[in-house]
Amino acid sequence: LTLSPYTPTFRDRVSPPGVMIRPYLNGFTIAFNVSQ
C-alpha cells in the first residue's frame, strides 16, 4: 500500500538505457534482395 503506481520508490541508481531497432521481425538480421 505504500508503493506508488506512478513512480519507482528508489531512483538514485537508475541504469543507463538500452536500445532497440525497428523493423524487428526475425531476429537481428535484416536480409533482402532489391530485385525481389
PDB file of all heavy atoms in Angstrom:
ATOM      1  N   LEU A   1       0.808  -1.208   0.000  1.00  0.00           N
ATOM      2  CA  LEU A   1       0.000   0.000   0.000  1.00  0.00           C
ATOM      3  C   LEU A   1       0.847   1.267   0.000  1.00  0.00           C
ATOM      4  O   LEU A   1       0.375   2.341  -0.372  1.00  0.00           O
ATOM      5  CB  LEU A   1      -0.942   0.007   1.213  1.00  0.00           C
ATOM      6  CG  LEU A   1      -2.076  -1.024   1.202  1.00  0.00           C
ATOM      7  CD1 LEU A   1      -2.873  -0.947   2.486  1.00  0.00           C
ATOM      8  CD2 LEU A   1      -2.994  -0.793   0.005  1.00  0.00           C
ATOM      9  N   THR A   2       2.094   1.142   0.427  1.00  0.00           N
ATOM     10  CA  THR A   2       2.970   2.317   0.485  1.00  0.00           C
ATOM     11  C   THR A   2       3.644   2.600  -0.858  1.00  0.00           C
ATOM     12  O   THR A   2       4.283   3.644  -1.012  1.00  0.00           O
ATOM     13  CB  THR A   2       4.063   2.130   1.550  1.00  0.00           C
ATOM     14  OG1 THR A   2       4.947   1.068   1.140  1.00  0.00           O
ATOM     15  CG2 THR A   2       3.449   1.778   2.904  1.00  0.00           C
ATOM     16  N   LEU A   3       3.526   1.666  -1.823  1.00  0.00           N
ATOM     17  CA  LEU A   3       4.184   1.853  -3.113  1.00  0.00           C
ATOM     18  C   LEU A   3       3.321   2.699  -4.040  1.00  0.00           C
ATOM     19  O   LEU A   3       2.107   2.533  -4.096  1.00  0.00           O
ATOM     20  CB  LEU A   3       4.461   0.498  -3.771  1.00  0.00           C
ATOM     21  CG  LEU A   3       5.375  -0.450  -3.002  1.00  0.00           C
ATOM     22  CD1 LEU A   3       5.517  -1.763  -3.761  1.00  0.00           C
ATOM     23  CD2 LEU A   3       6.750   0.179  -2.786  1.00  0.00           C
ATOM     24  N   SER A   4       3.963   3.609  -4.771  1.00  0.00           N
ATOM     25  CA  SER A   4       3.249   4.445  -5.725  1.00  0.00           C
ATOM     26  C   SER A   4       3.163   3.737  -7.070  1.00  0.00           C
ATOM     27  O   SER A   4       4.162   3.209  -7.555  1.00  0.00           O
ATOM     28  CB  SER A   4       3.964   5.786  -5.897  1.00  0.00           C
ATOM     29  OG  SER A   4       3.414   6.501  -7.002  1.00  0.00           O
ATOM     30  N   PRO A   5       1.987   3.729  -7.694  1.00  0.00           N
ATOM     31  CA  PRO A   5       1.880   3.130  -9.034  1.00  0.00           C
ATOM     32  C   PRO A   5       2.432   4.041 -10.123  1.00  0.00           C
ATOM     33  O   PRO A   5       2.517   3.648 -11.281  1.00  0.00           O
ATOM     34  CB  PRO A   5       0.374   2.930  -9.204  1.00  0.00           C
ATOM     35  CG  PRO A   5      -0.229   4.035  -8.395  1.00  0.00           C
ATOM     36  CD  PRO A   5       0.687   4.224  -7.207  1.00  0.00           C
ATOM     37  N   TYR A   6       2.807   5.264  -9.755  1.00  0.00           N
ATOM     38  CA  TYR A   6       3.210   6.254 -10.746  1.00  0.00           C
ATOM     39  C   TYR A   6       4.718   6.388 -10.902  1.00  0.00           C
ATOM     40  O   TYR A   6       5.213   6.591 -12.004  1.00  0.00           O
ATOM     41  CB  TYR A   6       2.621   7.626 -10.396  1.00  0.00           C
ATOM     42  CG  TYR A   6       1.121   7.593 -10.254  1.00  0.00           C
ATOM     43  CD1 TYR A   6       0.527   7.665  -9.001  1.00  0.00           C
ATOM     44  CD2 TYR A   6       0.300   7.465 -11.361  1.00  0.00           C
ATOM     45  CE1 TYR A   6      -0.852   7.627  -8.858  1.00  0.00           C
ATOM     46  CE2 TYR A   6      -1.083   7.413 -11.232  1.00  0.00           C
ATOM     47  CZ  TYR A   6      -1.650   7.497  -9.975  1.00  0.00           C
ATOM     48  OH  TYR A   6      -3.007   7.438  -9.843  1.00  0.00           O
ATOM     49  N   THR A   7       5.451   6.300  -9.817  1.00  0.00           N
ATOM     50  CA  THR A   7       6.908   6.448  -9.897  1.00  0.00           C
ATOM     51  C   THR A   7       7.591   5.404  -9.030  1.00  0.00           C
ATOM     52  O   THR A   7       7.065   5.013  -7.977  1.00  0.00           O
ATOM     53  CB  THR A   7       7.365   7.837  -9.413  1.00  0.00           C
ATOM     54  OG1 THR A   7       6.900   8.048  -8.069  1.00  0.00           O
ATOM     55  CG2 THR A   7       6.830   8.928 -10.315  1.00  0.00           C
ATOM     56  N   PRO A   8       8.777   4.923  -9.427  1.00  0.00           N
ATOM     57  CA  PRO A   8       9.526   3.977  -8.604  1.00  0.00           C
ATOM     58  C   PRO A   8       9.901   4.606  -7.261  1.00  0.00           C
ATOM     59  O   PRO A   8      10.148   5.809  -7.169  1.00  0.00           O
ATOM     60  CB  PRO A   8      10.779   3.688  -9.444  1.00  0.00           C
ATOM     61  CG  PRO A   8      10.439   4.101 -10.834  1.00  0.00           C
ATOM     62  CD  PRO A   8       9.476   5.218 -10.696  1.00  0.00           C
ATOM     63  N   THR A   9       9.963   3.782  -6.233  1.00  0.00           N
ATOM     64  CA  THR A   9      10.306   4.283  -4.906  1.00  0.00           C
ATOM     65  C   THR A   9      11.750   4.762  -4.861  1.00  0.00           C
ATOM     66  O   THR A   9      12.069   5.795  -4.286  1.00  0.00           O
ATOM     67  CB  THR A   9      10.075   3.190  -3.847  1.00  0.00           C
ATOM     68  OG1 THR A   9       8.714   2.749  -3.932  1.00  0.00           O
ATOM     69  CG2 THR A   9      10.353   3.722  -2.450  1.00  0.00           C
ATOM     70  N   PHE A  10      12.652   3.994  -5.454  1.00  0.00           N
ATOM     71  CA  PHE A  10      14.064   4.343  -5.440  1.00  0.00           C
ATOM     72  C   PHE A  10      14.524   4.659  -6.860  1.00  0.00           C
ATOM     73  O   PHE A  10      14.417   3.824  -7.749  1.00  0.00           O
ATOM     74  CB  PHE A  10      14.902   3.196  -4.857  1.00  0.00           C
ATOM     75  CG  PHE A  10      14.528   2.862  -3.435  1.00  0.00           C
ATOM     76  CD1 PHE A  10      13.792   1.718  -3.149  1.00  0.00           C
ATOM     77  CD2 PHE A  10      14.887   3.692  -2.392  1.00  0.00           C
ATOM     78  CE1 PHE A  10      13.420   1.412  -1.849  1.00  0.00           C
ATOM     79  CE2 PHE A  10      14.525   3.387  -1.078  1.00  0.00           C
ATOM     80  CZ  PHE A  10      13.799   2.244  -0.809  1.00  0.00           C
ATOM     81  N   ARG A  11      15.064   5.874  -7.054  1.00  0.00           N
ATOM     82  CA  ARG A  11      15.532   6.284  -8.371  1.00  0.00           C
ATOM     83  C   ARG A  11      16.946   6.859  -8.310  1.00  0.00           C
ATOM     84  O   ARG A  11      17.360   7.587  -9.196  1.00  0.00           O
ATOM     85  CB  ARG A  11      14.584   7.320  -8.975  1.00  0.00           C
ATOM     86  CG  ARG A  11      13.256   6.739  -9.397  1.00  0.00           C
ATOM     87  CD  ARG A  11      12.414   7.771 -10.105  1.00  0.00           C
ATOM     88  NE  ARG A  11      11.891   8.750  -9.164  1.00  0.00           N
ATOM     89  CZ  ARG A  11      11.203   9.827  -9.513  1.00  0.00           C
ATOM     90  NH1 ARG A  11      10.967  10.067 -10.787  1.00  0.00           N
ATOM     91  NH2 ARG A  11      10.761  10.672  -8.618  1.00  0.00           N
ATOM     92  N   ASP A  12      17.678   6.509  -7.258  1.00  0.00           N
ATOM     93  CA  ASP A  12      19.020   7.075  -7.110  1.00  0.00           C
ATOM     94  C   ASP A  12      20.053   6.274  -7.895  1.00  0.00           C
ATOM     95  O   ASP A  12      21.178   6.732  -8.077  1.00  0.00           O
ATOM     96  CB  ASP A  12      19.415   7.143  -5.629  1.00  0.00           C
ATOM     97  CG  ASP A  12      19.338   5.790  -4.919  1.00  0.00           C
ATOM     98  OD1 ASP A  12      18.596   4.927  -5.410  1.00  0.00           O
ATOM     99  OD2 ASP A  12      20.020   5.614  -3.883  1.00  0.00           O
ATOM    100  N   ARG A  13      19.690   5.098  -8.394  1.00  0.00           N
ATOM    101  CA  ARG A  13      20.619   4.280  -9.168  1.00  0.00           C
ATOM    102  C   ARG A  13      19.958   3.797 -10.454  1.00  0.00           C
ATOM    103  O   ARG A  13      19.860   2.609 -10.709  1.00  0.00           O
ATOM    104  CB  ARG A  13      21.109   3.092  -8.343  1.00  0.00           C
ATOM    105  CG  ARG A  13      21.969   3.487  -7.144  1.00  0.00           C
ATOM    106  CD  ARG A  13      22.512   2.272  -6.428  1.00  0.00           C
ATOM    107  NE  ARG A  13      23.341   2.641  -5.294  1.00  0.00           N
ATOM    108  CZ  ARG A  13      23.960   1.772  -4.479  1.00  0.00           C
ATOM    109  NH1 ARG A  13      23.807   0.466  -4.707  1.00  0.00           N
ATOM    110  NH2 ARG A  13      24.696   2.185  -3.467  1.00  0.00           N
ATOM    111  N   VAL A  14      19.496   4.736 -11.228  1.00  0.00           N
ATOM    112  CA  VAL A  14      18.826   4.394 -12.480  1.00  0.00           C
ATOM    113  C   VAL A  14      19.864   3.921 -13.495  1.00  0.00           C
ATOM    114  O   VAL A  14      20.866   4.582 -13.730  1.00  0.00           O
ATOM    115  CB  VAL A  14      18.062   5.612 -13.032  1.00  0.00           C
ATOM    116  CG1 VAL A  14      17.442   5.273 -14.382  1.00  0.00           C
ATOM    117  CG2 VAL A  14      16.985   6.044 -12.054  1.00  0.00           C
ATOM    118  N   SER A  15      19.629   2.763 -14.083  1.00  0.00           N
ATOM    119  CA  SER A  15      20.556   2.221 -15.070  1.00  0.00           C
ATOM    120  C   SER A  15      20.465   3.030 -16.359  1.00  0.00           C
ATOM    121  O   SER A  15      19.404   3.532 -16.711  1.00  0.00           O
ATOM    122  CB  SER A  15      20.216   0.759 -15.364  1.00  0.00           C
ATOM    123  OG  SER A  15      20.344  -0.028 -14.203  1.00  0.00           O
ATOM    124  N   PRO A  16      21.574   3.158 -17.093  1.00  0.00           N
ATOM    125  CA  PRO A  16      21.530   3.797 -18.406  1.00  0.00           C
ATOM    126  C   PRO A  16      20.615   3.007 -19.331  1.00  0.00           C
ATOM    127  O   PRO A  16      20.373   1.815 -19.119  1.00  0.00           O
ATOM    128  CB  PRO A  16      22.992   3.742 -18.877  1.00  0.00           C
ATOM    129  CG  PRO A  16      23.800   3.538 -17.643  1.00  0.00           C
ATOM    130  CD  PRO A  16      22.934   2.736 -16.728  1.00  0.00           C
ATOM    131  N   PRO A  17      20.113   3.636 -20.378  1.00  0.00           N
ATOM    132  CA  PRO A  17      19.100   2.982 -21.222  1.00  0.00           C
ATOM    133  C   PRO A  17      19.678   1.953 -22.177  1.00  0.00           C
ATOM    134  O   PRO A  17      20.797   2.082 -22.675  1.00  0.00           O
ATOM    135  CB  PRO A  17      18.499   4.153 -21.999  1.00  0.00           C
ATOM    136  CG  PRO A  17      19.612   5.147 -22.074  1.00  0.00           C
ATOM    137  CD  PRO A  17      20.348   5.022 -20.775  1.00  0.00           C
ATOM    138  N   GLY A  18      18.874   0.942 -22.430  1.00  0.00           N
ATOM    139  CA  GLY A  18      19.140   0.029 -23.529  1.00  0.00           C
ATOM    140  C   GLY A  18      18.482   0.571 -24.777  1.00  0.00           C
ATOM    141  O   GLY A  18      17.758   1.578 -24.742  1.00  0.00           O
ATOM    142  N   VAL A  19      18.720  -0.069 -25.909  1.00  0.00           N
ATOM    143  CA  VAL A  19      18.145   0.407 -27.162  1.00  0.00           C
ATOM    144  C   VAL A  19      17.552  -0.764 -27.946  1.00  0.00           C
ATOM    145  O   VAL A  19      17.870  -1.928 -27.698  1.00  0.00           O
ATOM    146  CB  VAL A  19      19.199   1.133 -28.041  1.00  0.00           C
ATOM    147  CG1 VAL A  19      19.659   2.411 -27.375  1.00  0.00           C
ATOM    148  CG2 VAL A  19      20.385   0.242 -28.327  1.00  0.00           C
ATOM    149  N   MET A  20      16.696  -0.405 -28.901  1.00  0.00           N
ATOM    150  CA  MET A  20      16.056  -1.394 -29.750  1.00  0.00           C
ATOM    151  C   MET A  20      15.886  -0.799 -31.135  1.00  0.00           C
ATOM    152  O   MET A  20      15.877   0.429 -31.296  1.00  0.00           O
ATOM    153  CB  MET A  20      14.700  -1.810 -29.170  1.00  0.00           C
ATOM    154  CG  MET A  20      14.083  -3.022 -29.827  1.00  0.00           C
ATOM    155  SD  MET A  20      15.162  -4.468 -29.760  1.00  0.00           S
ATOM    156  CE  MET A  20      14.223  -5.655 -30.672  1.00  0.00           C
ATOM    157  N   ILE A  21      15.739  -1.661 -32.136  1.00  0.00           N
ATOM    158  CA  ILE A  21      15.570  -1.194 -33.509  1.00  0.00           C
ATOM    159  C   ILE A  21      14.207  -1.603 -34.061  1.00  0.00           C
ATOM    160  O   ILE A  21      13.565  -2.530 -33.584  1.00  0.00           O
ATOM    161  CB  ILE A  21      16.685  -1.740 -34.446  1.00  0.00           C
ATOM    162  CG1 ILE A  21      16.693  -3.279 -34.439  1.00  0.00           C
ATOM    163  CG2 ILE A  21      18.033  -1.146 -34.087  1.00  0.00           C
ATOM    164  CD1 ILE A  21      17.593  -3.879 -35.518  1.00  0.00           C
ATOM    165  N   ARG A  22      13.799  -0.876 -35.074  1.00  0.00           N
ATOM    166  CA  ARG A  22      12.661  -1.216 -35.912  1.00  0.00           C
ATOM    167  C   ARG A  22      13.098  -1.039 -37.361  1.00  0.00           C
ATOM    168  O   ARG A  22      13.768  -0.067 -37.655  1.00  0.00           O
ATOM    169  CB  ARG A  22      11.451  -0.330 -35.607  1.00  0.00           C
ATOM    170  CG  ARG A  22      10.863  -0.528 -34.222  1.00  0.00           C
ATOM    171  CD  ARG A  22      10.178  -1.887 -34.101  1.00  0.00           C
ATOM    172  NE  ARG A  22       9.480  -2.025 -32.823  1.00  0.00           N
ATOM    173  CZ  ARG A  22      10.029  -2.382 -31.679  1.00  0.00           C
ATOM    174  NH1 ARG A  22      11.331  -2.644 -31.665  1.00  0.00           N
ATOM    175  NH2 ARG A  22       9.321  -2.486 -30.583  1.00  0.00           N
ATOM    176  N   PRO A  23      12.750  -1.934 -38.273  1.00  0.00           N
ATOM    177  CA  PRO A  23      11.895  -3.102 -38.061  1.00  0.00           C
ATOM    178  C   PRO A  23      12.612  -4.208 -37.294  1.00  0.00           C
ATOM    179  O   PRO A  23      13.839  -4.323 -37.358  1.00  0.00           O
ATOM    180  CB  PRO A  23      11.571  -3.548 -39.487  1.00  0.00           C
ATOM    181  CG  PRO A  23      12.773  -3.152 -40.279  1.00  0.00           C
ATOM    182  CD  PRO A  23      13.223  -1.850 -39.680  1.00  0.00           C
ATOM    183  N   TYR A  24      11.819  -4.977 -36.571  1.00  0.00           N
ATOM    184  CA  TYR A  24      12.336  -6.159 -35.881  1.00  0.00           C
ATOM    185  C   TYR A  24      11.366  -7.298 -36.178  1.00  0.00           C
ATOM    186  O   TYR A  24      10.268  -7.344 -35.640  1.00  0.00           O
ATOM    187  CB  TYR A  24      12.442  -5.909 -34.379  1.00  0.00           C
ATOM    188  CG  TYR A  24      12.892  -7.121 -33.606  1.00  0.00           C
ATOM    189  CD1 TYR A  24      14.208  -7.554 -33.668  1.00  0.00           C
ATOM    190  CD2 TYR A  24      11.990  -7.844 -32.824  1.00  0.00           C
ATOM    191  CE1 TYR A  24      14.632  -8.670 -32.968  1.00  0.00           C
ATOM    192  CE2 TYR A  24      12.400  -8.967 -32.129  1.00  0.00           C
ATOM    193  CZ  TYR A  24      13.716  -9.376 -32.199  1.00  0.00           C
ATOM    194  OH  TYR A  24      14.136 -10.498 -31.518  1.00  0.00           O
ATOM    195  N   LEU A  25      11.766  -8.189 -37.060  1.00  0.00           N
ATOM    196  CA  LEU A  25      10.874  -9.262 -37.480  1.00  0.00           C
ATOM    197  C   LEU A  25      11.370 -10.628 -37.056  1.00  0.00           C
ATOM    198  O   LEU A  25      10.724 -11.322 -36.268  1.00  0.00           O
ATOM    199  CB  LEU A  25      10.698  -9.231 -39.007  1.00  0.00           C
ATOM    200  CG  LEU A  25      10.021  -7.982 -39.588  1.00  0.00           C
ATOM    201  CD1 LEU A  25       9.917  -8.105 -41.093  1.00  0.00           C
ATOM    202  CD2 LEU A  25       8.647  -7.781 -38.972  1.00  0.00           C
ATOM    203  N   ASN A  26      12.523 -11.022 -37.572  1.00  0.00           N
ATOM    204  CA  ASN A  26      13.042 -12.366 -37.300  1.00  0.00           C
ATOM    205  C   ASN A  26      14.477 -12.272 -36.783  1.00  0.00           C
ATOM    206  O   ASN A  26      15.421 -12.664 -37.453  1.00  0.00           O
ATOM    207  CB  ASN A  26      12.994 -13.218 -38.570  1.00  0.00           C
ATOM    208  CG  ASN A  26      11.578 -13.332 -39.129  1.00  0.00           C
ATOM    209  OD1 ASN A  26      10.665 -13.724 -38.414  1.00  0.00           O
ATOM    210  ND2 ASN A  26      11.405 -12.971 -40.389  1.00  0.00           N
ATOM    211  N   GLY A  27      14.609 -11.714 -35.581  1.00  0.00           N
ATOM    212  CA  GLY A  27      15.944 -11.558 -35.029  1.00  0.00           C
ATOM    213  C   GLY A  27      16.618 -10.300 -35.554  1.00  0.00           C
ATOM    214  O   GLY A  27      15.987  -9.401 -36.103  1.00  0.00           O
ATOM    215  N   PHE A  28      17.924 -10.271 -35.437  1.00  0.00           N
ATOM    216  CA  PHE A  28      18.673  -9.055 -35.733  1.00  0.00           C
ATOM    217  C   PHE A  28      19.441  -9.151 -37.047  1.00  0.00           C
ATOM    218  O   PHE A  28      20.512  -8.570 -37.191  1.00  0.00           O
ATOM    219  CB  PHE A  28      19.612  -8.735 -34.563  1.00  0.00           C
ATOM    220  CG  PHE A  28      18.868  -8.363 -33.313  1.00  0.00           C
ATOM    221  CD1 PHE A  28      18.607  -9.310 -32.335  1.00  0.00           C
ATOM    222  CD2 PHE A  28      18.402  -7.070 -33.140  1.00  0.00           C
ATOM    223  CE1 PHE A  28      17.905  -8.967 -31.201  1.00  0.00           C
ATOM    224  CE2 PHE A  28      17.700  -6.722 -32.003  1.00  0.00           C
ATOM    225  CZ  PHE A  28      17.439  -7.668 -31.028  1.00  0.00           C
ATOM    226  N   THR A  29      18.887  -9.892 -37.981  1.00  0.00           N
ATOM    227  CA  THR A  29      19.420  -9.910 -39.340  1.00  0.00           C
ATOM    228  C   THR A  29      18.361  -9.367 -40.284  1.00  0.00           C
ATOM    229  O   THR A  29      17.242  -9.890 -40.353  1.00  0.00           O
ATOM    230  CB  THR A  29      19.823 -11.329 -39.775  1.00  0.00           C
ATOM    231  OG1 THR A  29      20.887 -11.797 -38.938  1.00  0.00           O
ATOM    232  CG2 THR A  29      20.303 -11.322 -41.224  1.00  0.00           C
ATOM    233  N   ILE A  30      18.697  -8.286 -40.983  1.00  0.00           N
ATOM    234  CA  ILE A  30      17.806  -7.700 -41.964  1.00  0.00           C
ATOM    235  C   ILE A  30      18.352  -8.078 -43.334  1.00  0.00           C
ATOM    236  O   ILE A  30      19.387  -7.564 -43.772  1.00  0.00           O
ATOM    237  CB  ILE A  30      17.722  -6.179 -41.781  1.00  0.00           C
ATOM    238  CG1 ILE A  30      17.086  -5.867 -40.419  1.00  0.00           C
ATOM    239  CG2 ILE A  30      16.924  -5.536 -42.916  1.00  0.00           C
ATOM    240  CD1 ILE A  30      17.026  -4.400 -40.081  1.00  0.00           C
ATOM    241  N   ALA A  31      17.684  -9.019 -43.974  1.00  0.00           N
ATOM    242  CA  ALA A  31      18.187  -9.594 -45.227  1.00  0.00           C
ATOM    243  C   ALA A  31      17.112  -9.503 -46.307  1.00  0.00           C
ATOM    244  O   ALA A  31      15.947  -9.868 -46.070  1.00  0.00           O
ATOM    245  CB  ALA A  31      18.603 -11.043 -45.005  1.00  0.00           C
ATOM    246  N   PHE A  32      17.496  -9.032 -47.483  1.00  0.00           N
ATOM    247  CA  PHE A  32      16.551  -8.948 -48.598  1.00  0.00           C
ATOM    248  C   PHE A  32      17.320  -8.762 -49.901  1.00  0.00           C
ATOM    249  O   PHE A  32      18.509  -8.416 -49.900  1.00  0.00           O
ATOM    250  CB  PHE A  32      15.574  -7.780 -48.400  1.00  0.00           C
ATOM    251  CG  PHE A  32      16.226  -6.425 -48.347  1.00  0.00           C
ATOM    252  CD1 PHE A  32      16.337  -5.643 -49.489  1.00  0.00           C
ATOM    253  CD2 PHE A  32      16.735  -5.925 -47.157  1.00  0.00           C
ATOM    254  CE1 PHE A  32      16.933  -4.394 -49.453  1.00  0.00           C
ATOM    255  CE2 PHE A  32      17.337  -4.665 -47.112  1.00  0.00           C
ATOM    256  CZ  PHE A  32      17.444  -3.904 -48.258  1.00  0.00           C
ATOM    257  N   ASN A  33      16.621  -9.019 -50.999  1.00  0.00           N
ATOM    258  CA  ASN A  33      17.149  -8.775 -52.333  1.00  0.00           C
ATOM    259  C   ASN A  33      16.364  -7.633 -52.971  1.00  0.00           C
ATOM    260  O   ASN A  33      15.125  -7.675 -53.001  1.00  0.00           O
ATOM    261  CB  ASN A  33      17.043 -10.030 -53.212  1.00  0.00           C
ATOM    262  CG  ASN A  33      17.955 -11.139 -52.723  1.00  0.00           C
ATOM    263  OD1 ASN A  33      19.076 -10.889 -52.297  1.00  0.00           O
ATOM    264  ND2 ASN A  33      17.456 -12.377 -52.791  1.00  0.00           N
ATOM    265  N   VAL A  34      17.071  -6.652 -53.456  1.00  0.00           N
ATOM    266  CA  VAL A  34      16.424  -5.471 -54.024  1.00  0.00           C
ATOM    267  C   VAL A  34      15.478  -5.850 -55.164  1.00  0.00           C
ATOM    268  O   VAL A  34      14.377  -5.287 -55.298  1.00  0.00           O
ATOM    269  CB  VAL A  34      17.495  -4.472 -54.524  1.00  0.00           C
ATOM    270  CG1 VAL A  34      16.838  -3.270 -55.202  1.00  0.00           C
ATOM    271  CG2 VAL A  34      18.373  -4.010 -53.371  1.00  0.00           C
ATOM    272  N   SER A  35      15.867  -6.804 -55.983  1.00  0.00           N
ATOM    273  CA  SER A  35      15.075  -7.175 -57.154  1.00  0.00           C
ATOM    274  C   SER A  35      13.883  -8.066 -56.825  1.00  0.00           C
ATOM    275  O   SER A  35      13.090  -8.387 -57.711  1.00  0.00           O
ATOM    276  CB  SER A  35      15.970  -7.897 -58.174  1.00  0.00           C
ATOM    277  OG  SER A  35      16.517  -9.075 -57.612  1.00  0.00           O
ATOM    278  N   GLN A  36      13.724  -8.446 -55.545  1.00  0.00           N
ATOM    279  CA  GLN A  36      12.619  -9.308 -55.134  1.00  0.00           C
ATOM    280  C   GLN A  36      11.800  -8.608 -54.051  1.00  0.00           C
ATOM    281  O   GLN A  36      12.089  -8.739 -52.857  1.00  0.00           O
ATOM    282  CB  GLN A  36      13.151 -10.648 -54.611  1.00  0.00           C
ATOM    283  CG  GLN A  36      13.898 -11.458 -55.668  1.00  0.00           C
ATOM    284  CD  GLN A  36      14.483 -12.731 -55.088  1.00  0.00           C
ATOM    285  OE1 GLN A  36      15.311 -12.700 -54.165  1.00  0.00           O
ATOM    286  NE2 GLN A  36      14.063 -13.867 -55.636  1.00  0.00           N
TER     287      GLN A  36
END
